Structure formats: C-alpha cells, structure tokens
Amino acid sequence: MKLSTIKGERVFDVIADIIDPIANIAADKEAAALFQRQKLPDGVNAKDFVLARVKKSAPLLLRGHKKDLIAILAAVEGVPAKKYASGLTLAKLLVDVTELMTDDAFTDLFTSAQTETAETPSGSVQENIGEAKE
C-alpha cells in the first residue's frame, strides 16, 4: 500500500481524496513531526533515532488524526473509508502505516502540504512579479 505504486487515472482520485486529510495532519506540528526529514545526529544509531521519533509523534498522530489516517489509507487501498475501518486490525494498521511512512512519494507529498500550510502568503502574484522587474 504505497502511493508510488498507484498508476493511471486512479492517481487523480487518490490525490483528490487525500489532500484534505494530509493538510489536516500537516497543520498539526506535533503530529507532523513524524514525517519531517531530520538529519541523523552524530553517534546515534539510525534505528534508535527513528524509534525515538515514532515513540514521540505516532501516539499524537494515531489519537488525534484517526479519521484522517483512515481516509488516507482507504484511498490508497482503493476502498471506502468505512470498509477500510471495518476490516482494520492492529497488524493491518501497523503494516499499512509503516508502508505509507516509508514511501518517498507520500513523504514528498506530505512535506509539500506541510510547507504550504506553514508559509505566510507574501502578497499577490502581480505584486511579486512587479517587484522582481524593478
């Protein structure tokens, strides 16, 4: 269950279905921290570093964004959210979330949404173009 494996016209539907839930998570700085790329500190084991980040951010994500996660995972799997949720088990959730979080296509999309929600508009396009010409 990875965004990177979705092909053809289905890509449009999946992106349309996950934009809102991704934006909701991206707006929550604590939950979104799980998806931010961070440099591995010197002398720290990569596995320990990832586990520490998951331990800190995953509970916030899982508790605070259940509906968003279900919407994302259901869209990627190609089923309605209610159907996905009704068949959800602990093992399935762990596998699906892990696959999604390790998918570069998802993290790139998530990082893009996070940047857009964090930025303050700098003015109108025409103003910025006018400033660039001067």
Foldseek 3Di string as FASTA:
>chain_A
DELVPDDDPLNVVLCVQQLVLLLVQLLVVLLCQLLDDDDDDPPDDPVVVNVVSCVRRVVCCCVVRVVSVLSNLCSVVVHDSVVSVVPDDPVVVVVSVVNHSVHPVNSVVSVVSNVVSPDDDPDDPVVVVVVVVD
